[in-house]
Amino acid sequence: MICVGLLIMWCGAAEAAPAPAIRCPPLAVYSKRDQQAAAREVRAMPHGSRAARLIADYGTLRARCRAIAGGDGSGR
């Protein structure tokens, strides 16, 4: 009985493998001028535009990558 208890304790003490690191690919860097021009173009799109929604989703993805990278997400 003692052997079974020791075996259970020994098996429970094994270390779990560490979780894999999460990394995003480097993000493209856009100039302030390009960002401002793109913002004007998006504002000119019709309300509810599918393209505007896709662009907003891309912005969310970039923000998440920056949060994971702990900075600008450029990988530099």
PDB file of N, CA and C in Angstrom:
ATOM      1  N   MET A   1       0.822  -1.185   0.000  1.00  0.00           N
ATOM      2  CA  MET A   1       0.000   0.000   0.000  1.00  0.00           C
ATOM      3  C   MET A   1       0.870   1.255   0.000  1.00  0.00           C
ATOM      4  N   ILE A   2       1.937   1.239   0.787  1.00  0.00           N
ATOM      5  CA  ILE A   2       2.836   2.389   0.836  1.00  0.00           C
ATOM      6  C   ILE A   2       3.477   2.614  -0.524  1.00  0.00           C
ATOM      7  N   CYS A   3       3.834   1.526  -1.194  1.00  0.00           N
ATOM      8  CA  CYS A   3       4.463   1.648  -2.521  1.00  0.00           C
ATOM      9  C   CYS A   3       3.529   2.330  -3.510  1.00  0.00           C
ATOM     10  N   VAL A   4       2.248   1.980  -3.449  1.00  0.00           N
ATOM     11  CA  VAL A   4       1.274   2.591  -4.362  1.00  0.00           C
ATOM     12  C   VAL A   4       1.167   4.089  -4.078  1.00  0.00           C
ATOM     13  N   GLY A   5       1.117   4.449  -2.819  1.00  0.00           N
ATOM     14  CA  GLY A   5       1.041   5.864  -2.437  1.00  0.00           C
ATOM     15  C   GLY A   5       2.260   6.638  -2.894  1.00  0.00           C
ATOM     16  N   LEU A   6       3.447   6.043  -2.710  1.00  0.00           N
ATOM     17  CA  LEU A   6       4.676   6.711  -3.159  1.00  0.00           C
ATOM     18  C   LEU A   6       4.703   6.865  -4.675  1.00  0.00           C
ATOM     19  N   LEU A   7       4.227   5.851  -5.380  1.00  0.00           N
ATOM     20  CA  LEU A   7       4.185   5.909  -6.840  1.00  0.00           C
ATOM     21  C   LEU A   7       3.254   7.027  -7.312  1.00  0.00           C
ATOM     22  N   ILE A   8       2.102   7.144  -6.676  1.00  0.00           N
ATOM     23  CA  ILE A   8       1.154   8.206  -7.040  1.00  0.00           C
ATOM     24  C   ILE A   8       1.767   9.578  -6.769  1.00  0.00           C
ATOM     25  N   MET A   9       2.422   9.744  -5.628  1.00  0.00           N
ATOM     26  CA  MET A   9       3.053  11.033  -5.305  1.00  0.00           C
ATOM     27  C   MET A   9       4.166  11.343  -6.294  1.00  0.00           C
ATOM     28  N   TRP A  10       4.957  10.355  -6.659  1.00  0.00           N
ATOM     29  CA  TRP A  10       6.073  10.563  -7.586  1.00  0.00           C
ATOM     30  C   TRP A  10       5.554  10.967  -8.964  1.00  0.00           C
ATOM     31  N   CYS A  11       4.507  10.298  -9.447  1.00  0.00           N
ATOM     32  CA  CYS A  11       3.946  10.619 -10.766  1.00  0.00           C
ATOM     33  C   CYS A  11       3.323  12.013 -10.775  1.00  0.00           C
ATOM     34  N   GLY A  12       2.718  12.394  -9.680  1.00  0.00           N
ATOM     35  CA  GLY A  12       2.097  13.718  -9.601  1.00  0.00           C
ATOM     36  C   GLY A  12       3.107  14.840  -9.539  1.00  0.00           C
ATOM     37  N   ALA A  13       4.339  14.530  -9.166  1.00  0.00           N
ATOM     38  CA  ALA A  13       5.365  15.564  -9.036  1.00  0.00           C
ATOM     39  C   ALA A  13       6.066  15.868 -10.355  1.00  0.00           C
ATOM     40  N   ALA A  14       5.764  15.107 -11.399  1.00  0.00           N
ATOM     41  CA  ALA A  14       6.425  15.344 -12.695  1.00  0.00           C
ATOM     42  C   ALA A  14       6.048  16.727 -13.224  1.00  0.00           C
ATOM     43  N   GLU A  15       7.027  17.407 -13.785  1.00  0.00           N
ATOM     44  CA  GLU A  15       6.777  18.750 -14.317  1.00  0.00           C
ATOM     45  C   GLU A  15       6.047  18.676 -15.645  1.00  0.00           C
ATOM     46  N   ALA A  16       5.105  19.573 -15.815  1.00  0.00           N
ATOM     47  CA  ALA A  16       4.404  19.673 -17.095  1.00  0.00           C
ATOM     48  C   ALA A  16       5.300  20.425 -18.078  1.00  0.00           C
ATOM     49  N   ALA A  17       5.166  20.101 -19.341  1.00  0.00           N
ATOM     50  CA  ALA A  17       5.949  20.790 -20.373  1.00  0.00           C
ATOM     51  C   ALA A  17       5.524  22.257 -20.420  1.00  0.00           C
ATOM     52  N   PRO A  18       6.473  23.167 -20.602  1.00  0.00           N
ATOM     53  CA  PRO A  18       6.109  24.586 -20.667  1.00  0.00           C
ATOM     54  C   PRO A  18       5.253  24.868 -21.900  1.00  0.00           C
ATOM     55  N   ALA A  19       4.374  25.830 -21.769  1.00  0.00           N
ATOM     56  CA  ALA A  19       3.524  26.224 -22.896  1.00  0.00           C
ATOM     57  C   ALA A  19       4.393  26.850 -23.986  1.00  0.00           C
ATOM     58  N   PRO A  20       4.057  26.618 -25.246  1.00  0.00           N
ATOM     59  CA  PRO A  20       4.855  27.216 -26.327  1.00  0.00           C
ATOM     60  C   PRO A  20       4.718  28.736 -26.319  1.00  0.00           C
ATOM     61  N   ALA A  21       5.773  29.409 -26.723  1.00  0.00           N
ATOM     62  CA  ALA A  21       5.746  30.873 -26.790  1.00  0.00           C
ATOM     63  C   ALA A  21       4.836  31.306 -27.935  1.00  0.00           C
ATOM     64  N   ILE A  22       4.079  32.353 -27.699  1.00  0.00           N
ATOM     65  CA  ILE A  22       3.201  32.902 -28.735  1.00  0.00           C
ATOM     66  C   ILE A  22       3.911  34.092 -29.361  1.00  0.00           C
ATOM     67  N   ARG A  23       4.061  34.033 -30.680  1.00  0.00           N
ATOM     68  CA  ARG A  23       4.733  35.121 -31.387  1.00  0.00           C
ATOM     69  C   ARG A  23       3.934  35.471 -32.629  1.00  0.00           C
ATOM     70  N   CYS A  24       3.880  36.735 -32.929  1.00  0.00           N
ATOM     71  CA  CYS A  24       3.243  37.212 -34.156  1.00  0.00           C
ATOM     72  C   CYS A  24       4.334  37.548 -35.159  1.00  0.00           C
ATOM     73  N   PRO A  25       4.023  37.456 -36.433  1.00  0.00           N
ATOM     74  CA  PRO A  25       5.012  37.886 -37.429  1.00  0.00           C
ATOM     75  C   PRO A  25       5.209  39.392 -37.323  1.00  0.00           C
ATOM     76  N   PRO A  26       6.343  39.904 -37.795  1.00  0.00           N
ATOM     77  CA  PRO A  26       6.558  41.355 -37.755  1.00  0.00           C
ATOM     78  C   PRO A  26       5.470  42.078 -38.547  1.00  0.00           C
ATOM     79  N   LEU A  27       5.049  43.217 -38.035  1.00  0.00           N
ATOM     80  CA  LEU A  27       4.025  44.020 -38.701  1.00  0.00           C
ATOM     81  C   LEU A  27       4.661  44.995 -39.678  1.00  0.00           C
ATOM     82  N   ALA A  28       3.953  45.256 -40.759  1.00  0.00           N
ATOM     83  CA  ALA A  28       4.410  46.274 -41.707  1.00  0.00           C
ATOM     84  C   ALA A  28       4.360  47.634 -41.018  1.00  0.00           C
ATOM     85  N   VAL A  29       5.299  48.486 -41.347  1.00  0.00           N
ATOM     86  CA  VAL A  29       5.345  49.829 -40.773  1.00  0.00           C
ATOM     87  C   VAL A  29       4.858  50.806 -41.839  1.00  0.00           C
ATOM     88  N   TYR A  30       3.867  51.624 -41.479  1.00  0.00           N
ATOM     89  CA  TYR A  30       3.297  52.600 -42.402  1.00  0.00           C
ATOM     90  C   TYR A  30       3.653  54.009 -41.934  1.00  0.00           C
ATOM     91  N   SER A  31       3.962  54.872 -42.883  1.00  0.00           N
ATOM     92  CA  SER A  31       4.287  56.257 -42.531  1.00  0.00           C
ATOM     93  C   SER A  31       3.030  56.964 -42.027  1.00  0.00           C
ATOM     94  N   LYS A  32       3.238  58.036 -41.292  1.00  0.00           N
ATOM     95  CA  LYS A  32       2.123  58.837 -40.791  1.00  0.00           C
ATOM     96  C   LYS A  32       1.279  59.344 -41.961  1.00  0.00           C
ATOM     97  N   ARG A  33       1.945  59.744 -43.029  1.00  0.00           N
ATOM     98  CA  ARG A  33       1.245  60.259 -44.213  1.00  0.00           C
ATOM     99  C   ARG A  33       0.348  59.174 -44.824  1.00  0.00           C
ATOM    100  N   ASP A  34       0.874  57.956 -44.958  1.00  0.00           N
ATOM    101  CA  ASP A  34       0.070  56.855 -45.491  1.00  0.00           C
ATOM    102  C   ASP A  34      -1.116  56.540 -44.577  1.00  0.00           C
ATOM    103  N   GLN A  35      -0.893  56.565 -43.269  1.00  0.00           N
ATOM    104  CA  GLN A  35      -1.969  56.285 -42.324  1.00  0.00           C
ATOM    105  C   GLN A  35      -3.071  57.333 -42.423  1.00  0.00           C
ATOM    106  N   GLN A  36      -2.680  58.602 -42.548  1.00  0.00           N
ATOM    107  CA  GLN A  36      -3.672  59.673 -42.654  1.00  0.00           C
ATOM    108  C   GLN A  36      -4.469  59.562 -43.949  1.00  0.00           C
ATOM    109  N   ALA A  37      -3.786  59.243 -45.056  1.00  0.00           N
ATOM    110  CA  ALA A  37      -4.471  59.087 -46.342  1.00  0.00           C
ATOM    111  C   ALA A  37      -5.438  57.900 -46.288  1.00  0.00           C
ATOM    112  N   ALA A  38      -5.005  56.802 -45.691  1.00  0.00           N
ATOM    113  CA  ALA A  38      -5.872  55.625 -45.574  1.00  0.00           C
ATOM    114  C   ALA A  38      -7.092  55.937 -44.711  1.00  0.00           C
ATOM    115  N   ALA A  39      -6.892  56.690 -43.635  1.00  0.00           N
ATOM    116  CA  ALA A  39      -8.011  57.059 -42.763  1.00  0.00           C
ATOM    117  C   ALA A  39      -9.038  57.887 -43.531  1.00  0.00           C
ATOM    118  N   ARG A  40      -8.575  58.814 -44.362  1.00  0.00           N
ATOM    119  CA  ARG A  40      -9.503  59.614 -45.181  1.00  0.00           C
ATOM    120  C   ARG A  40     -10.288  58.712 -46.134  1.00  0.00           C
ATOM    121  N   GLU A  41      -9.608  57.757 -46.734  1.00  0.00           N
ATOM    122  CA  GLU A  41     -10.269  56.844 -47.672  1.00  0.00           C
ATOM    123  C   GLU A  41     -11.317  55.982 -46.968  1.00  0.00           C
ATOM    124  N   VAL A  42     -10.993  55.505 -45.770  1.00  0.00           N
ATOM    125  CA  VAL A  42     -11.946  54.678 -45.020  1.00  0.00           C
ATOM    126  C   VAL A  42     -13.161  55.511 -44.625  1.00  0.00           C
ATOM    127  N   ARG A  43     -12.945  56.750 -44.188  1.00  0.00           N
ATOM    128  CA  ARG A  43     -14.067  57.619 -43.810  1.00  0.00           C
ATOM    129  C   ARG A  43     -14.973  57.905 -45.007  1.00  0.00           C
ATOM    130  N   ALA A  44     -14.424  57.889 -46.214  1.00  0.00           N
ATOM    131  CA  ALA A  44     -15.213  58.159 -47.420  1.00  0.00           C
ATOM    132  C   ALA A  44     -16.041  56.947 -47.862  1.00  0.00           C
ATOM    133  N   MET A  45     -15.781  55.782 -47.291  1.00  0.00           N
ATOM    134  CA  MET A  45     -16.529  54.578 -47.666  1.00  0.00           C
ATOM    135  C   MET A  45     -17.956  54.669 -47.134  1.00  0.00           C
ATOM    136  N   PRO A  46     -18.892  54.029 -47.825  1.00  0.00           N
ATOM    137  CA  PRO A  46     -20.277  54.026 -47.342  1.00  0.00           C
ATOM    138  C   PRO A  46     -20.377  53.376 -45.958  1.00  0.00           C
ATOM    139  N   HIS A  47     -21.325  53.867 -45.151  1.00  0.00           N
ATOM    140  CA  HIS A  47     -21.553  53.300 -43.821  1.00  0.00           C
ATOM    141  C   HIS A  47     -21.881  51.814 -43.957  1.00  0.00           C
ATOM    142  N   GLY A  48     -21.258  50.979 -43.150  1.00  0.00           N
ATOM    143  CA  GLY A  48     -21.498  49.542 -43.186  1.00  0.00           C
ATOM    144  C   GLY A  48     -20.732  48.814 -44.277  1.00  0.00           C
ATOM    145  N   SER A  49     -19.789  49.495 -44.896  1.00  0.00           N
ATOM    146  CA  SER A  49     -18.992  48.902 -45.970  1.00  0.00           C
ATOM    147  C   SER A  49     -18.258  47.655 -45.479  1.00  0.00           C
ATOM    148  N   ARG A  50     -18.306  46.599 -46.279  1.00  0.00           N
ATOM    149  CA  ARG A  50     -17.580  45.372 -45.921  1.00  0.00           C
ATOM    150  C   ARG A  50     -16.078  45.627 -45.886  1.00  0.00           C
ATOM    151  N   ALA A  51     -15.599  46.411 -46.837  1.00  0.00           N
ATOM    152  CA  ALA A  51     -14.158  46.704 -46.876  1.00  0.00           C
ATOM    153  C   ALA A  51     -13.727  47.441 -45.612  1.00  0.00           C
ATOM    154  N   ALA A  52     -14.542  48.381 -45.151  1.00  0.00           N
ATOM    155  CA  ALA A  52     -14.207  49.110 -43.921  1.00  0.00           C
ATOM    156  C   ALA A  52     -14.172  48.157 -42.731  1.00  0.00           C
ATOM    157  N   ARG A  53     -15.095  47.189 -42.702  1.00  0.00           N
ATOM    158  CA  ARG A  53     -15.105  46.212 -41.607  1.00  0.00           C
ATOM    159  C   ARG A  53     -13.849  45.349 -41.639  1.00  0.00           C
ATOM    160  N   LEU A  54     -13.430  44.936 -42.833  1.00  0.00           N
ATOM    161  CA  LEU A  54     -12.203  44.140 -42.954  1.00  0.00           C
ATOM    162  C   LEU A  54     -10.989  44.939 -42.491  1.00  0.00           C
ATOM    163  N   ILE A  55     -10.950  46.212 -42.840  1.00  0.00           N
ATOM    164  CA  ILE A  55      -9.831  47.064 -42.428  1.00  0.00           C
ATOM    165  C   ILE A  55      -9.821  47.217 -40.910  1.00  0.00           C
ATOM    166  N   ALA A  56     -10.999  47.378 -40.310  1.00  0.00           N
ATOM    167  CA  ALA A  56     -11.083  47.487 -38.848  1.00  0.00           C
ATOM    168  C   ALA A  56     -10.609  46.194 -38.186  1.00  0.00           C
ATOM    169  N   ASP A  57     -10.983  45.052 -38.758  1.00  0.00           N
ATOM    170  CA  ASP A  57     -10.515  43.765 -38.220  1.00  0.00           C
ATOM    171  C   ASP A  57      -8.992  43.667 -38.287  1.00  0.00           C
ATOM    172  N   TYR A  58      -8.420  44.146 -39.380  1.00  0.00           N
ATOM    173  CA  TYR A  58      -6.960  44.146 -39.534  1.00  0.00           C
ATOM    174  C   TYR A  58      -6.322  45.026 -38.455  1.00  0.00           C
ATOM    175  N   GLY A  59      -6.943  46.158 -38.164  1.00  0.00           N
ATOM    176  CA  GLY A  59      -6.435  47.035 -37.107  1.00  0.00           C
ATOM    177  C   GLY A  59      -6.453  46.348 -35.751  1.00  0.00           C
ATOM    178  N   THR A  60      -7.520  45.600 -35.490  1.00  0.00           N
ATOM    179  CA  THR A  60      -7.615  44.853 -34.232  1.00  0.00           C
ATOM    180  C   THR A  60      -6.519  43.795 -34.150  1.00  0.00           C
ATOM    181  N   LEU A  61      -6.294  43.096 -35.253  1.00  0.00           N
ATOM    182  CA  LEU A  61      -5.236  42.085 -35.290  1.00  0.00           C
ATOM    183  C   LEU A  61      -3.872  42.713 -35.023  1.00  0.00           C
ATOM    184  N   ARG A  62      -3.606  43.864 -35.626  1.00  0.00           N
ATOM    185  CA  ARG A  62      -2.331  44.555 -35.404  1.00  0.00           C
ATOM    186  C   ARG A  62      -2.186  44.959 -33.935  1.00  0.00           C
ATOM    187  N   ALA A  63      -3.262  45.436 -33.321  1.00  0.00           N
ATOM    188  CA  ALA A  63      -3.215  45.829 -31.909  1.00  0.00           C
ATOM    189  C   ALA A  63      -2.904  44.620 -31.025  1.00  0.00           C
ATOM    190  N   ARG A  64      -3.484  43.476 -31.348  1.00  0.00           N
ATOM    191  CA  ARG A  64      -3.213  42.264 -30.563  1.00  0.00           C
ATOM    192  C   ARG A  64      -1.762  41.825 -30.722  1.00  0.00           C
ATOM    193  N   CYS A  65      -1.243  41.915 -31.933  1.00  0.00           N
ATOM    194  CA  CYS A  65       0.168  41.555 -32.154  1.00  0.00           C
ATOM    195  C   CYS A  65       1.090  42.497 -31.382  1.00  0.00           C
ATOM    196  N   ARG A  66       0.759  43.790 -31.374  1.00  0.00           N
ATOM    197  CA  ARG A  66       1.578  44.746 -30.611  1.00  0.00           C
ATOM    198  C   ARG A  66       1.539  44.409 -29.126  1.00  0.00           C
ATOM    199  N   ALA A  67       0.380  44.015 -28.625  1.00  0.00           N
ATOM    200  CA  ALA A  67       0.259  43.663 -27.205  1.00  0.00           C
ATOM    201  C   ALA A  67       1.103  42.435 -26.875  1.00  0.00           C
ATOM    202  N   ILE A  68       1.098  41.440 -27.753  1.00  0.00           N
ATOM    203  CA  ILE A  68       1.900  40.236 -27.527  1.00  0.00           C
ATOM    204  C   ILE A  68       3.384  40.568 -27.590  1.00  0.00           C
ATOM    205  N   ALA A  69       3.768  41.411 -28.560  1.00  0.00           N
ATOM    206  CA  ALA A  69       5.179  41.766 -28.741  1.00  0.00           C
ATOM    207  C   ALA A  69       5.656  42.730 -27.665  1.00  0.00           C
ATOM    208  N   GLY A  70       4.723  43.389 -26.981  1.00  0.00           N
ATOM    209  CA  GLY A  70       5.097  44.340 -25.943  1.00  0.00           C
ATOM    210  C   GLY A  70       5.663  45.631 -26.495  1.00  0.00           C
ATOM    211  N   GLY A  71       5.256  46.011 -27.666  1.00  0.00           N
ATOM    212  CA  GLY A  71       5.755  47.259 -28.258  1.00  0.00           C
ATOM    213  C   GLY A  71       5.031  47.575 -29.537  1.00  0.00           C
ATOM    214  N   ASP A  72       5.791  47.952 -30.552  1.00  0.00           N
ATOM    215  CA  ASP A  72       5.169  48.353 -31.817  1.00  0.00           C
ATOM    216  C   ASP A  72       4.859  47.165 -32.713  1.00  0.00           C
ATOM    217  N   GLY A  73       5.328  45.966 -32.351  1.00  0.00           N
ATOM    218  CA  GLY A  73       5.034  44.770 -33.123  1.00  0.00           C
ATOM    219  C   GLY A  73       5.874  44.594 -34.367  1.00  0.00           C
ATOM    220  N   SER A  74       6.837  45.475 -34.566  1.00  0.00           N
ATOM    221  CA  SER A  74       7.646  45.394 -35.783  1.00  0.00           C
ATOM    222  C   SER A  74       8.700  44.296 -35.706  1.00  0.00           C
ATOM    223  N   GLY A  75       8.937  43.766 -34.506  1.00  0.00           N
ATOM    224  CA  GLY A  75       9.950  42.727 -34.346  1.00  0.00           C
ATOM    225  C   GLY A  75      11.369  43.267 -34.393  1.00  0.00           C
ATOM    226  N   ARG A  76      11.498  44.571 -34.329  1.00  0.00           N
ATOM    227  CA  ARG A  76      12.830  45.199 -34.387  1.00  0.00           C
ATOM    228  C   ARG A  76      13.262  45.687 -33.039  1.00  0.00           C
TER     229      ARG A  76
END
